[in-house]
Amino acid sequence: MPPSPDRRLATLRGADHVVLAFDDERLVGFATALSDGVLMSSPSLLEVVSGHRGRGIGTELVRLIRVAVAGIYGLDAVCDGDVAGFYVRAGFLPVEGMVLRNHDALP
């Protein structure tokens, strides 16, 4: 289940870096990143509304996040397998990783 609109807004407010994509005045996508401000950053959320996917919006949002953290040593993305190819095309290298999810935290 995806996060509620209120949770998404809280994510935008709490992120270290936020980039937004608009179609005229309508928000159609966003990306956030968390960072220690020195060595590491992680894109934490990337979303593009379904009717606007396939237009390069997600690619541009990732590019803008990369610009925002350009002085940082590492930008590590954790993603589901079905979108890993997107991140590879955006210049990320595949590595092994582990995650822990708390599904009860989502309303």
Protein backbone atom coordinates (compact mmCIF):
# COMPACT_ATOMS: atom_id res chain seq x y z
CA MET A 1 0.00 0.00 0.00
CA PRO A 2 1.48 3.41 -0.95
CA PRO A 3 1.82 6.16 1.66
CA SER A 4 -1.15 8.46 2.21
CA PRO A 5 -1.02 12.04 0.85
CA ASP A 6 -0.37 13.33 4.39
CA ARG A 7 2.59 10.97 4.78
CA ARG A 8 3.95 12.05 1.40
CA LEU A 9 3.72 15.70 2.44
CA ALA A 10 5.48 14.92 5.73
CA THR A 11 8.20 13.17 3.74
CA LEU A 12 8.70 16.25 1.58
CA ARG A 13 8.91 18.47 4.64
CA GLY A 14 11.36 16.17 6.42
CA ALA A 15 13.75 15.45 3.55
CA ASP A 16 17.17 17.08 3.26
CA HIS A 17 16.67 17.57 -0.50
CA VAL A 18 13.43 17.83 -2.48
CA VAL A 19 12.84 18.32 -6.20
CA LEU A 20 9.40 18.71 -7.75
CA ALA A 21 8.01 18.25 -11.26
CA PHE A 22 4.99 20.22 -12.48
CA ASP A 23 2.80 20.06 -15.56
CA ASP A 24 1.61 23.65 -15.63
CA GLU A 25 0.50 24.09 -11.99
CA ARG A 26 -0.18 20.40 -11.27
CA LEU A 27 2.41 18.48 -9.25
CA VAL A 28 3.17 15.34 -11.27
CA GLY A 29 6.28 14.03 -9.58
CA PHE A 30 8.80 14.46 -6.81
CA ALA A 31 12.01 13.06 -5.44
CA THR A 32 13.55 13.31 -2.01
CA ALA A 33 16.96 12.50 -0.60
CA LEU A 34 18.31 12.13 2.91
CA SER A 35 21.91 13.06 3.61
CA ASP A 36 24.49 13.41 6.35
CA GLY A 37 25.72 16.46 4.42
CA VAL A 38 29.29 15.19 4.27
CA LEU A 39 29.79 11.72 2.80
CA MET A 40 26.55 9.91 2.05
CA SER A 41 23.12 10.60 0.63
CA SER A 42 20.25 8.38 -0.37
CA PRO A 43 17.33 9.11 -2.68
CA SER A 44 14.51 8.08 -0.40
CA LEU A 45 11.41 8.54 -2.52
CA LEU A 46 10.76 9.00 -6.23
CA GLU A 47 7.24 9.21 -7.55
CA VAL A 48 5.71 10.24 -10.88
CA VAL A 49 1.94 10.04 -11.39
CA SER A 50 1.04 7.17 -13.67
CA GLY A 51 -0.26 9.32 -16.54
CA HIS A 52 3.08 11.13 -16.77
CA ARG A 53 5.44 8.15 -16.62
CA GLY A 54 7.63 7.36 -19.60
CA ARG A 55 8.27 11.04 -20.38
CA GLY A 56 11.67 11.36 -18.69
CA ILE A 57 10.29 13.07 -15.57
CA GLY A 58 11.75 10.49 -13.17
CA THR A 59 15.09 10.65 -14.94
CA GLU A 60 15.14 14.43 -14.61
CA LEU A 61 14.17 14.26 -10.93
CA VAL A 62 17.06 11.86 -10.24
CA ARG A 63 19.41 14.15 -12.20
CA LEU A 64 18.31 17.10 -10.06
CA ILE A 65 18.86 15.11 -6.85
CA ARG A 66 22.35 14.24 -8.12
CA VAL A 67 23.01 17.94 -8.70
CA ALA A 68 21.73 18.78 -5.21
CA VAL A 69 24.20 16.38 -3.59
CA ALA A 70 27.04 16.81 -6.08
CA GLY A 71 29.68 17.33 -3.38
CA ILE A 72 28.74 14.15 -1.51
CA TYR A 73 30.94 11.04 -1.88
CA GLY A 74 28.17 8.45 -2.19
CA LEU A 75 24.60 8.43 -3.43
CA ASP A 76 23.12 5.05 -2.55
CA ALA A 77 19.66 4.08 -3.79
CA VAL A 78 17.66 1.16 -2.45
CA CYS A 79 14.86 0.10 -4.75
CA ASP A 80 12.60 -2.77 -5.61
CA GLY A 81 13.83 -5.12 -8.32
CA ASP A 82 11.25 -4.04 -10.88
CA VAL A 83 12.73 -0.51 -11.02
CA ALA A 84 16.42 -1.41 -10.68
CA GLY A 85 16.93 -0.97 -14.44
CA PHE A 86 15.76 2.63 -14.17
CA TYR A 87 18.50 3.39 -11.64
CA VAL A 88 21.13 1.58 -13.71
CA ARG A 89 20.16 3.75 -16.70
CA ALA A 90 20.52 6.79 -14.40
CA GLY A 91 24.15 5.83 -13.68
CA PHE A 92 23.82 3.82 -10.48
CA LEU A 93 25.73 0.57 -10.02
CA PRO A 94 24.02 -2.56 -8.66
CA VAL A 95 25.23 -3.74 -5.23
CA GLU A 96 23.87 -6.11 -2.64
CA GLY A 97 21.94 -4.62 0.24
CA MET A 98 19.50 -5.38 2.96
CA VAL A 99 16.34 -3.58 4.06
CA LEU A 100 13.91 -3.88 6.91
CA ARG A 101 10.34 -2.75 6.32
CA ASN A 102 7.70 -1.99 8.96
CA HIS A 103 4.47 -2.40 7.03
CA ASP A 104 2.46 -1.59 10.16
CA ALA A 105 3.80 1.99 9.97
CA LEU A 106 1.77 2.68 6.82
CA PRO A 107 -1.87 3.65 7.35
